[in-house]
């Protein structure tokens, strides 16, 4: 999986903003197994200086590559291809 336009992803479940009994938020210390991927296309979930909405059309690219057993060299190559696409110049 390569996400050149949406680098923030959570696996398994969404981290929420619910306060614990001490009045603070808990940091996630493990990723629970699951098939769900949650992508944050625009970083307006956390307390940032972004508006809570954006006007106009947004195009986001996701690349999923089927594969056999994990190969770190191929995974690195696919990531580089997504992050640094070939630019053809005459």
PDB file of N, CA and C in Angstrom:
ATOM      1  N   UNK A   1       0.849  -1.164   0.000  1.00  0.00           N
ATOM      2  CA  UNK A   1       0.000   0.000   0.000  1.00  0.00           C
ATOM      3  C   UNK A   1       0.892   1.224   0.000  1.00  0.00           C
ATOM      4  N   UNK A   2       0.634   2.117  -0.921  1.00  0.00           N
ATOM      5  CA  UNK A   2       1.355   3.390  -0.982  1.00  0.00           C
ATOM      6  C   UNK A   2       0.328   4.502  -1.078  1.00  0.00           C
ATOM      7  N   UNK A   3       0.465   5.497  -0.235  1.00  0.00           N
ATOM      8  CA  UNK A   3      -0.494   6.592  -0.172  1.00  0.00           C
ATOM      9  C   UNK A   3       0.232   7.923  -0.382  1.00  0.00           C
ATOM     10  N   UNK A   4       0.557   8.269  -1.620  1.00  0.00           N
ATOM     11  CA  UNK A   4       1.318   9.489  -1.852  1.00  0.00           C
ATOM     12  C   UNK A   4       0.572  10.766  -1.479  1.00  0.00           C
ATOM     13  N   UNK A   5      -0.753  10.752  -1.459  1.00  0.00           N
ATOM     14  CA  UNK A   5      -1.536  11.956  -1.190  1.00  0.00           C
ATOM     15  C   UNK A   5      -2.165  11.994   0.192  1.00  0.00           C
ATOM     16  N   UNK A   6      -2.142  10.897   0.911  1.00  0.00           N
ATOM     17  CA  UNK A   6      -2.794  10.831   2.219  1.00  0.00           C
ATOM     18  C   UNK A   6      -1.916  10.017   3.170  1.00  0.00           C
ATOM     19  N   UNK A   7      -0.874  10.619   3.725  1.00  0.00           N
ATOM     20  CA  UNK A   7       0.097   9.848   4.500  1.00  0.00           C
ATOM     21  C   UNK A   7      -0.350   9.421   5.897  1.00  0.00           C
ATOM     22  N   UNK A   8      -1.482   9.916   6.389  1.00  0.00           N
ATOM     23  CA  UNK A   8      -1.933   9.551   7.719  1.00  0.00           C
ATOM     24  C   UNK A   8      -2.927   8.407   7.639  1.00  0.00           C
ATOM     25  N   UNK A   9      -2.578   7.273   8.235  1.00  0.00           N
ATOM     26  CA  UNK A   9      -3.425   6.077   8.183  1.00  0.00           C
ATOM     27  C   UNK A   9      -3.457   5.450   9.565  1.00  0.00           C
ATOM     28  N   UNK A  10      -4.612   4.932   9.941  1.00  0.00           N
ATOM     29  CA  UNK A  10      -4.721   4.129  11.159  1.00  0.00           C
ATOM     30  C   UNK A  10      -5.178   2.735  10.755  1.00  0.00           C
ATOM     31  N   UNK A  11      -4.626   1.739  11.408  1.00  0.00           N
ATOM     32  CA  UNK A  11      -4.938   0.345  11.108  1.00  0.00           C
ATOM     33  C   UNK A  11      -5.776  -0.225  12.246  1.00  0.00           C
ATOM     34  N   UNK A  12      -6.819  -0.960  11.881  1.00  0.00           N
ATOM     35  CA  UNK A  12      -7.617  -1.677  12.875  1.00  0.00           C
ATOM     36  C   UNK A  12      -8.794  -0.895  13.405  1.00  0.00           C
ATOM     37  N   UNK A  13      -8.542   0.247  14.043  1.00  0.00           N
ATOM     38  CA  UNK A  13      -9.624   1.056  14.598  1.00  0.00           C
ATOM     39  C   UNK A  13      -9.194   2.514  14.658  1.00  0.00           C
ATOM     40  N   UNK A  14     -10.164   3.390  14.829  1.00  0.00           N
ATOM     41  CA  UNK A  14      -9.894   4.821  14.880  1.00  0.00           C
ATOM     42  C   UNK A  14      -9.552   5.218  16.312  1.00  0.00           C
ATOM     43  N   UNK A  15      -8.528   6.033  16.484  1.00  0.00           N
ATOM     44  CA  UNK A  15      -8.202   6.594  17.785  1.00  0.00           C
ATOM     45  C   UNK A  15      -9.186   7.724  18.055  1.00  0.00           C
ATOM     46  N   UNK A  16      -9.805   7.700  19.201  1.00  0.00           N
ATOM     47  CA  UNK A  16     -10.805   8.729  19.479  1.00  0.00           C
ATOM     48  C   UNK A  16     -10.268   9.777  20.452  1.00  0.00           C
ATOM     49  N   UNK A  17     -11.072  10.753  20.710  1.00  0.00           N
ATOM     50  CA  UNK A  17     -10.693  11.881  21.568  1.00  0.00           C
ATOM     51  C   UNK A  17     -11.276  11.762  22.974  1.00  0.00           C
ATOM     52  N   UNK A  18     -11.749  10.580  23.346  1.00  0.00           N
ATOM     53  CA  UNK A  18     -12.375  10.407  24.654  1.00  0.00           C
ATOM     54  C   UNK A  18     -11.312  10.476  25.751  1.00  0.00           C
ATOM     55  N   UNK A  19     -11.602  11.234  26.786  1.00  0.00           N
ATOM     56  CA  UNK A  19     -10.669  11.364  27.909  1.00  0.00           C
ATOM     57  C   UNK A  19     -10.776  10.151  28.822  1.00  0.00           C
ATOM     58  N   UNK A  20      -9.632   9.743  29.388  1.00  0.00           N
ATOM     59  CA  UNK A  20      -9.636   8.648  30.354  1.00  0.00           C
ATOM     60  C   UNK A  20     -10.038   9.199  31.726  1.00  0.00           C
ATOM     61  N   UNK A  21     -10.157   8.350  32.742  1.00  0.00           N
ATOM     62  CA  UNK A  21     -10.574   8.836  34.066  1.00  0.00           C
ATOM     63  C   UNK A  21      -9.652   9.918  34.652  1.00  0.00           C
ATOM     64  N   UNK A  22      -8.393   9.965  34.237  1.00  0.00           N
ATOM     65  CA  UNK A  22      -7.467  10.984  34.739  1.00  0.00           C
ATOM     66  C   UNK A  22      -7.647  12.325  34.027  1.00  0.00           C
ATOM     67  N   UNK A  23      -8.518  12.358  33.008  1.00  0.00           N
ATOM     68  CA  UNK A  23      -8.759  13.603  32.292  1.00  0.00           C
ATOM     69  C   UNK A  23      -7.790  13.859  31.151  1.00  0.00           C
ATOM     70  N   UNK A  24      -7.017  12.841  30.768  1.00  0.00           N
ATOM     71  CA  UNK A  24      -6.078  12.971  29.648  1.00  0.00           C
ATOM     72  C   UNK A  24      -6.464  11.967  28.565  1.00  0.00           C
ATOM     73  N   UNK A  25      -5.783  12.046  27.439  1.00  0.00           N
ATOM     74  CA  UNK A  25      -6.025  11.088  26.358  1.00  0.00           C
ATOM     75  C   UNK A  25      -4.961  10.001  26.407  1.00  0.00           C
ATOM     76  N   UNK A  26      -5.371   8.766  26.149  1.00  0.00           N
ATOM     77  CA  UNK A  26      -4.443   7.643  26.145  1.00  0.00           C
ATOM     78  C   UNK A  26      -3.744   7.534  24.792  1.00  0.00           C
ATOM     79  N   UNK A  27      -2.438   7.294  24.813  1.00  0.00           N
ATOM     80  CA  UNK A  27      -1.703   6.991  23.589  1.00  0.00           C
ATOM     81  C   UNK A  27      -1.911   5.537  23.261  1.00  0.00           C
ATOM     82  N   UNK A  28      -2.023   5.247  22.007  1.00  0.00           N
ATOM     83  CA  UNK A  28      -2.174   3.864  21.565  1.00  0.00           C
ATOM     84  C   UNK A  28      -0.832   3.164  21.730  1.00  0.00           C
ATOM     85  N   UNK A  29      -0.816   2.017  22.405  1.00  0.00           N
ATOM     86  CA  UNK A  29       0.444   1.303  22.613  1.00  0.00           C
ATOM     87  C   UNK A  29       0.537   0.014  21.809  1.00  0.00           C
ATOM     88  N   UNK A  30      -0.508  -0.309  21.020  1.00  0.00           N
ATOM     89  CA  UNK A  30      -0.474  -1.477  20.147  1.00  0.00           C
ATOM     90  C   UNK A  30      -1.502  -1.282  19.044  1.00  0.00           C
ATOM     91  N   UNK A  31      -1.279  -1.980  17.958  1.00  0.00           N
ATOM     92  CA  UNK A  31      -2.224  -1.972  16.839  1.00  0.00           C
ATOM     93  C   UNK A  31      -3.007  -3.272  16.903  1.00  0.00           C
ATOM     94  N   UNK A  32      -4.307  -3.173  16.977  1.00  0.00           N
ATOM     95  CA  UNK A  32      -5.150  -4.361  17.039  1.00  0.00           C
ATOM     96  C   UNK A  32      -5.327  -4.925  15.636  1.00  0.00           C
ATOM     97  N   UNK A  33      -5.333  -6.226  15.534  1.00  0.00           N
ATOM     98  CA  UNK A  33      -5.503  -6.874  14.238  1.00  0.00           C
ATOM     99  C   UNK A  33      -6.845  -6.498  13.634  1.00  0.00           C
ATOM    100  N   UNK A  34      -6.857  -6.332  12.344  1.00  0.00           N
ATOM    101  CA  UNK A  34      -8.106  -5.993  11.676  1.00  0.00           C
ATOM    102  C   UNK A  34      -7.866  -5.705  10.211  1.00  0.00           C
ATOM    103  N   UNK A  35      -8.926  -5.671   9.469  1.00  0.00           N
ATOM    104  CA  UNK A  35      -8.842  -5.434   8.036  1.00  0.00           C
ATOM    105  C   UNK A  35      -9.155  -3.981   7.683  1.00  0.00           C
ATOM    106  N   UNK A  36      -9.448  -3.147   8.660  1.00  0.00           N
ATOM    107  CA  UNK A  36      -9.844  -1.770   8.386  1.00  0.00           C
ATOM    108  C   UNK A  36      -8.643  -0.843   8.301  1.00  0.00           C
ATOM    109  N   UNK A  37      -8.666   0.027   7.304  1.00  0.00           N
ATOM    110  CA  UNK A  37      -7.684   1.096   7.166  1.00  0.00           C
ATOM    111  C   UNK A  37      -8.446   2.408   7.140  1.00  0.00           C
ATOM    112  N   UNK A  38      -8.077   3.342   7.996  1.00  0.00           N
ATOM    113  CA  UNK A  38      -8.718   4.649   8.043  1.00  0.00           C
ATOM    114  C   UNK A  38      -7.702   5.677   7.569  1.00  0.00           C
ATOM    115  N   UNK A  39      -8.049   6.372   6.513  1.00  0.00           N
ATOM    116  CA  UNK A  39      -7.138   7.330   5.909  1.00  0.00           C
ATOM    117  C   UNK A  39      -7.607   8.741   6.218  1.00  0.00           C
ATOM    118  N   UNK A  40      -6.687   9.554   6.706  1.00  0.00           N
ATOM    119  CA  UNK A  40      -6.972  10.962   6.957  1.00  0.00           C
ATOM    120  C   UNK A  40      -6.448  11.755   5.769  1.00  0.00           C
ATOM    121  N   UNK A  41      -7.346  12.083   4.850  1.00  0.00           N
ATOM    122  CA  UNK A  41      -6.947  12.777   3.631  1.00  0.00           C
ATOM    123  C   UNK A  41      -6.481  14.188   3.948  1.00  0.00           C
ATOM    124  N   UNK A  42      -7.208  14.883   4.794  1.00  0.00           N
ATOM    125  CA  UNK A  42      -6.814  16.226   5.230  1.00  0.00           C
ATOM    126  C   UNK A  42      -6.647  16.185   6.738  1.00  0.00           C
ATOM    127  N   UNK A  43      -5.592  16.738   7.230  1.00  0.00           N
ATOM    128  CA  UNK A  43      -5.279  16.661   8.648  1.00  0.00           C
ATOM    129  C   UNK A  43      -6.073  17.702   9.434  1.00  0.00           C
ATOM    130  N   UNK A  44      -7.382  17.531   9.487  1.00  0.00           N
ATOM    131  CA  UNK A  44      -8.188  18.434  10.294  1.00  0.00           C
ATOM    132  C   UNK A  44      -8.792  17.724  11.502  1.00  0.00           C
ATOM    133  N   UNK A  45      -8.376  16.505  11.740  1.00  0.00           N
ATOM    134  CA  UNK A  45      -8.869  15.749  12.893  1.00  0.00           C
ATOM    135  C   UNK A  45      -8.180  16.221  14.171  1.00  0.00           C
ATOM    136  N   UNK A  46      -6.868  16.336  14.127  1.00  0.00           N
ATOM    137  CA  UNK A  46      -6.124  16.788  15.291  1.00  0.00           C
ATOM    138  C   UNK A  46      -6.205  18.302  15.380  1.00  0.00           C
ATOM    139  N   UNK A  47      -5.781  18.848  16.446  1.00  0.00           N
ATOM    140  CA  UNK A  47      -5.888  20.282  16.689  1.00  0.00           C
ATOM    141  C   UNK A  47      -4.796  21.019  15.919  1.00  0.00           C
ATOM    142  N   UNK A  48      -5.134  21.369  14.688  1.00  0.00           N
ATOM    143  CA  UNK A  48      -4.190  22.051  13.809  1.00  0.00           C
ATOM    144  C   UNK A  48      -4.780  23.377  13.382  1.00  0.00           C
ATOM    145  N   UNK A  49      -4.055  24.080  12.522  1.00  0.00           N
ATOM    146  CA  UNK A  49      -4.541  25.369  12.048  1.00  0.00           C
ATOM    147  C   UNK A  49      -5.326  25.246  10.739  1.00  0.00           C
ATOM    148  N   UNK A  50      -5.803  24.041  10.393  1.00  0.00           N
ATOM    149  CA  UNK A  50      -6.615  23.841   9.195  1.00  0.00           C
ATOM    150  C   UNK A  50      -8.077  24.156   9.494  1.00  0.00           C
ATOM    151  N   UNK A  51      -8.772  24.614   8.472  1.00  0.00           N
ATOM    152  CA  UNK A  51     -10.222  24.764   8.590  1.00  0.00           C
ATOM    153  C   UNK A  51     -10.840  23.375   8.671  1.00  0.00           C
ATOM    154  N   UNK A  52     -12.037  23.292   9.197  1.00  0.00           N
ATOM    155  CA  UNK A  52     -12.682  21.980   9.315  1.00  0.00           C
ATOM    156  C   UNK A  52     -13.300  21.519   8.005  1.00  0.00           C
ATOM    157  N   UNK A  53     -13.305  22.377   6.983  1.00  0.00           N
ATOM    158  CA  UNK A  53     -13.790  21.974   5.675  1.00  0.00           C
ATOM    159  C   UNK A  53     -12.967  22.689   4.601  1.00  0.00           C
ATOM    160  N   UNK A  54     -12.972  22.127   3.429  1.00  0.00           N
ATOM    161  CA  UNK A  54     -12.242  22.693   2.299  1.00  0.00           C
ATOM    162  C   UNK A  54     -13.172  22.750   1.108  1.00  0.00           C
ATOM    163  N   UNK A  55     -13.067  23.804   0.314  1.00  0.00           N
ATOM    164  CA  UNK A  55     -13.911  23.948  -0.874  1.00  0.00           C
ATOM    165  C   UNK A  55     -13.290  23.224  -2.056  1.00  0.00           C
ATOM    166  N   UNK A  56     -14.139  22.828  -2.990  1.00  0.00           N
ATOM    167  CA  UNK A  56     -13.656  22.278  -4.250  1.00  0.00           C
ATOM    168  C   UNK A  56     -13.411  20.789  -4.218  1.00  0.00           C
ATOM    169  N   UNK A  57     -13.016  20.296  -5.368  1.00  0.00           N
ATOM    170  CA  UNK A  57     -12.762  18.879  -5.575  1.00  0.00           C
ATOM    171  C   UNK A  57     -11.371  18.502  -5.070  1.00  0.00           C
ATOM    172  N   UNK A  58     -11.268  17.369  -4.411  1.00  0.00           N
ATOM    173  CA  UNK A  58      -9.989  16.857  -3.953  1.00  0.00           C
ATOM    174  C   UNK A  58      -9.771  15.484  -4.583  1.00  0.00           C
ATOM    175  N   UNK A  59      -8.646  15.314  -5.250  1.00  0.00           N
ATOM    176  CA  UNK A  59      -8.309  14.035  -5.865  1.00  0.00           C
ATOM    177  C   UNK A  59      -7.205  13.395  -5.039  1.00  0.00           C
ATOM    178  N   UNK A  60      -7.421  12.164  -4.610  1.00  0.00           N
ATOM    179  CA  UNK A  60      -6.469  11.461  -3.756  1.00  0.00           C
ATOM    180  C   UNK A  60      -6.147  10.121  -4.408  1.00  0.00           C
ATOM    181  N   UNK A  61      -4.871   9.777  -4.448  1.00  0.00           N
ATOM    182  CA  UNK A  61      -4.429   8.529  -5.073  1.00  0.00           C
ATOM    183  C   UNK A  61      -4.028   7.515  -4.016  1.00  0.00           C
ATOM    184  N   UNK A  62      -4.527   6.297  -4.178  1.00  0.00           N
ATOM    185  CA  UNK A  62      -4.144   5.171  -3.336  1.00  0.00           C
ATOM    186  C   UNK A  62      -3.607   4.090  -4.261  1.00  0.00           C
ATOM    187  N   UNK A  63      -2.519   3.469  -3.873  1.00  0.00           N
ATOM    188  CA  UNK A  63      -1.953   2.382  -4.678  1.00  0.00           C
ATOM    189  C   UNK A  63      -1.861   1.119  -3.824  1.00  0.00           C
ATOM    190  N   UNK A  64      -2.597   0.109  -4.242  1.00  0.00           N
ATOM    191  CA  UNK A  64      -2.550  -1.195  -3.579  1.00  0.00           C
ATOM    192  C   UNK A  64      -1.926  -2.174  -4.560  1.00  0.00           C
ATOM    193  N   UNK A  65      -0.867  -2.832  -4.144  1.00  0.00           N
ATOM    194  CA  UNK A  65      -0.156  -3.763  -5.000  1.00  0.00           C
ATOM    195  C   UNK A  65      -0.258  -5.167  -4.419  1.00  0.00           C
ATOM    196  N   UNK A  66      -0.912  -6.090  -5.133  1.00  0.00           N
ATOM    197  CA  UNK A  66      -0.963  -7.465  -4.641  1.00  0.00           C
ATOM    198  C   UNK A  66       0.432  -8.093  -4.686  1.00  0.00           C
ATOM    199  N   UNK A  67       0.722  -8.960  -3.739  1.00  0.00           N
ATOM    200  CA  UNK A  67       2.053  -9.569  -3.678  1.00  0.00           C
ATOM    201  C   UNK A  67       1.987 -10.898  -2.946  1.00  0.00           C
ATOM    202  N   UNK A  68       3.064 -11.628  -3.022  1.00  0.00           N
ATOM    203  CA  UNK A  68       3.208 -12.882  -2.292  1.00  0.00           C
ATOM    204  C   UNK A  68       3.824 -12.599  -0.939  1.00  0.00           C
ATOM    205  N   UNK A  69       4.774 -13.434  -0.507  1.00  0.00           N
ATOM    206  CA  UNK A  69       5.451 -13.194   0.768  1.00  0.00           C
ATOM    207  C   UNK A  69       6.123 -11.812   0.772  1.00  0.00           C
ATOM    208  N   UNK A  70       6.163 -11.187   1.933  1.00  0.00           N
ATOM    209  CA  UNK A  70       6.715  -9.836   2.047  1.00  0.00           C
ATOM    210  C   UNK A  70       8.170  -9.791   1.598  1.00  0.00           C
ATOM    211  N   UNK A  71       8.479  -8.840   0.750  1.00  0.00           N
ATOM    212  CA  UNK A  71       9.831  -8.611   0.255  1.00  0.00           C
ATOM    213  C   UNK A  71      10.170  -7.139   0.515  1.00  0.00           C
ATOM    214  N   UNK A  72      11.036  -6.854   1.488  1.00  0.00           N
ATOM    215  CA  UNK A  72      11.313  -5.451   1.833  1.00  0.00           C
ATOM    216  C   UNK A  72      11.909  -4.650   0.685  1.00  0.00           C
ATOM    217  N   UNK A  73      12.670  -5.274  -0.195  1.00  0.00           N
ATOM    218  CA  UNK A  73      13.250  -4.552  -1.332  1.00  0.00           C
ATOM    219  C   UNK A  73      12.141  -4.100  -2.279  1.00  0.00           C
ATOM    220  N   UNK A  74      11.230  -5.014  -2.605  1.00  0.00           N
ATOM    221  CA  UNK A  74      10.112  -4.652  -3.482  1.00  0.00           C
ATOM    222  C   UNK A  74       9.197  -3.618  -2.821  1.00  0.00           C
ATOM    223  N   UNK A  75       8.968  -3.741  -1.528  1.00  0.00           N
ATOM    224  CA  UNK A  75       8.134  -2.773  -0.818  1.00  0.00           C
ATOM    225  C   UNK A  75       8.767  -1.382  -0.877  1.00  0.00           C
ATOM    226  N   UNK A  76      10.070  -1.311  -0.685  1.00  0.00           N
ATOM    227  CA  UNK A  76      10.776  -0.029  -0.787  1.00  0.00           C
ATOM    228  C   UNK A  76      10.703   0.546  -2.191  1.00  0.00           C
ATOM    229  N   UNK A  77      10.836  -0.314  -3.178  1.00  0.00           N
ATOM    230  CA  UNK A  77      10.770   0.127  -4.575  1.00  0.00           C
ATOM    231  C   UNK A  77       9.388   0.688  -4.890  1.00  0.00           C
ATOM    232  N   UNK A  78       8.331  -0.006  -4.460  1.00  0.00           N
ATOM    233  CA  UNK A  78       6.972   0.480  -4.717  1.00  0.00           C
ATOM    234  C   UNK A  78       6.721   1.809  -4.009  1.00  0.00           C
ATOM    235  N   UNK A  79       7.227   1.944  -2.809  1.00  0.00           N
ATOM    236  CA  UNK A  79       7.080   3.216  -2.097  1.00  0.00           C
ATOM    237  C   UNK A  79       7.796   4.350  -2.796  1.00  0.00           C
ATOM    238  N   UNK A  80       8.998   4.087  -3.281  1.00  0.00           N
ATOM    239  CA  UNK A  80       9.754   5.118  -4.006  1.00  0.00           C
ATOM    240  C   UNK A  80       9.046   5.488  -5.301  1.00  0.00           C
ATOM    241  N   UNK A  81       8.491   4.505  -5.996  1.00  0.00           N
ATOM    242  CA  UNK A  81       7.753   4.787  -7.231  1.00  0.00           C
ATOM    243  C   UNK A  81       6.555   5.678  -6.962  1.00  0.00           C
ATOM    244  N   UNK A  82       5.872   5.473  -5.847  1.00  0.00           N
ATOM    245  CA  UNK A  82       4.703   6.289  -5.521  1.00  0.00           C
ATOM    246  C   UNK A  82       5.104   7.688  -5.074  1.00  0.00           C
ATOM    247  N   UNK A  83       6.153   7.776  -4.272  1.00  0.00           N
ATOM    248  CA  UNK A  83       6.571   9.074  -3.737  1.00  0.00           C
ATOM    249  C   UNK A  83       7.403   9.918  -4.664  1.00  0.00           C
ATOM    250  N   UNK A  84       8.086   9.273  -5.604  1.00  0.00           N
ATOM    251  CA  UNK A  84       8.958   9.984  -6.544  1.00  0.00           C
ATOM    252  C   UNK A  84       8.685   9.463  -7.940  1.00  0.00           C
ATOM    253  N   UNK A  85       7.530   9.784  -8.521  1.00  0.00           N
ATOM    254  CA  UNK A  85       7.190   9.241  -9.832  1.00  0.00           C
ATOM    255  C   UNK A  85       8.148   9.719 -10.922  1.00  0.00           C
ATOM    256  N   UNK A  86       8.296   8.888 -11.919  1.00  0.00           N
ATOM    257  CA  UNK A  86       9.146   9.222 -13.054  1.00  0.00           C
ATOM    258  C   UNK A  86       8.552  10.407 -13.799  1.00  0.00           C
ATOM    259  N   UNK A  87       9.377  11.410 -14.061  1.00  0.00           N
ATOM    260  CA  UNK A  87       8.941  12.587 -14.818  1.00  0.00           C
ATOM    261  C   UNK A  87       9.673  12.562 -16.154  1.00  0.00           C
ATOM    262  N   UNK A  88       8.912  12.534 -17.235  1.00  0.00           N
ATOM    263  CA  UNK A  88       9.512  12.481 -18.568  1.00  0.00           C
ATOM    264  C   UNK A  88       9.599  13.908 -19.113  1.00  0.00           C
ATOM    265  N   UNK A  89      10.797  14.287 -19.507  1.00  0.00           N
ATOM    266  CA  UNK A  89      11.045  15.621 -20.040  1.00  0.00           C
ATOM    267  C   UNK A  89      11.631  15.484 -21.427  1.00  0.00           C
ATOM    268  N   UNK A  90      11.081  16.190 -22.427  1.00  0.00           N
ATOM    269  CA  UNK A  90      11.634  16.063 -23.790  1.00  0.00           C
ATOM    270  C   UNK A  90      13.033  16.679 -23.885  1.00  0.00           C
TER     271      UNK A  90
END
